[in-house]
Amino acid sequence: MRVVLDTNIYISAILFGGRCEEILKIAAQGLFDLIVSKQILDEIKSVLKVKFNWSDRQVAEVIKYIKEFASVVNPDFSLHVITEDRADNKIIECAVASEAVYIVTGDKGHLLSLGTYNEIKIISPADFLKL
């Protein structure tokens, strides 16, 4: 089962733990195929550095950890599904490029409200853990 995590899931897992951290641990155990794109990794780097003032070394360690168990795809197309927050489109692009089954997000405003996109189910961390 291929799964794409929204950037907010990674940030929550790294900084706050809880359900999001549990999802990353399950991915690290190989219980599902975690898919990430270069664009998502770049956003994780940016958020950790700019918003949370992490050092380059700390950020590099997080990215290295994610790459240990995630497959990296590079979508060669752009989608314009979410117009209110265009940055969210990178999550959908990654899911489409990897033929993911699920997108897991805490974004109630844009992504979760879609529900599905091209048969890709968009669900909350709590709902994902119930699967």
Foldseek 3Di string as FASTA:
>chain_A
DEEEEALVLLVCCVPPNDLSVVVLVCLVVVVHAYEEEPLSLVVNLCCCCPVVVDDPVVSVVSSVSSVVRYHYDYQPDWDCPDPVDRSCRNRVSRCVVVVGQEYEYPPPPTQVVVQDDPNRGYYYSVVVVVD
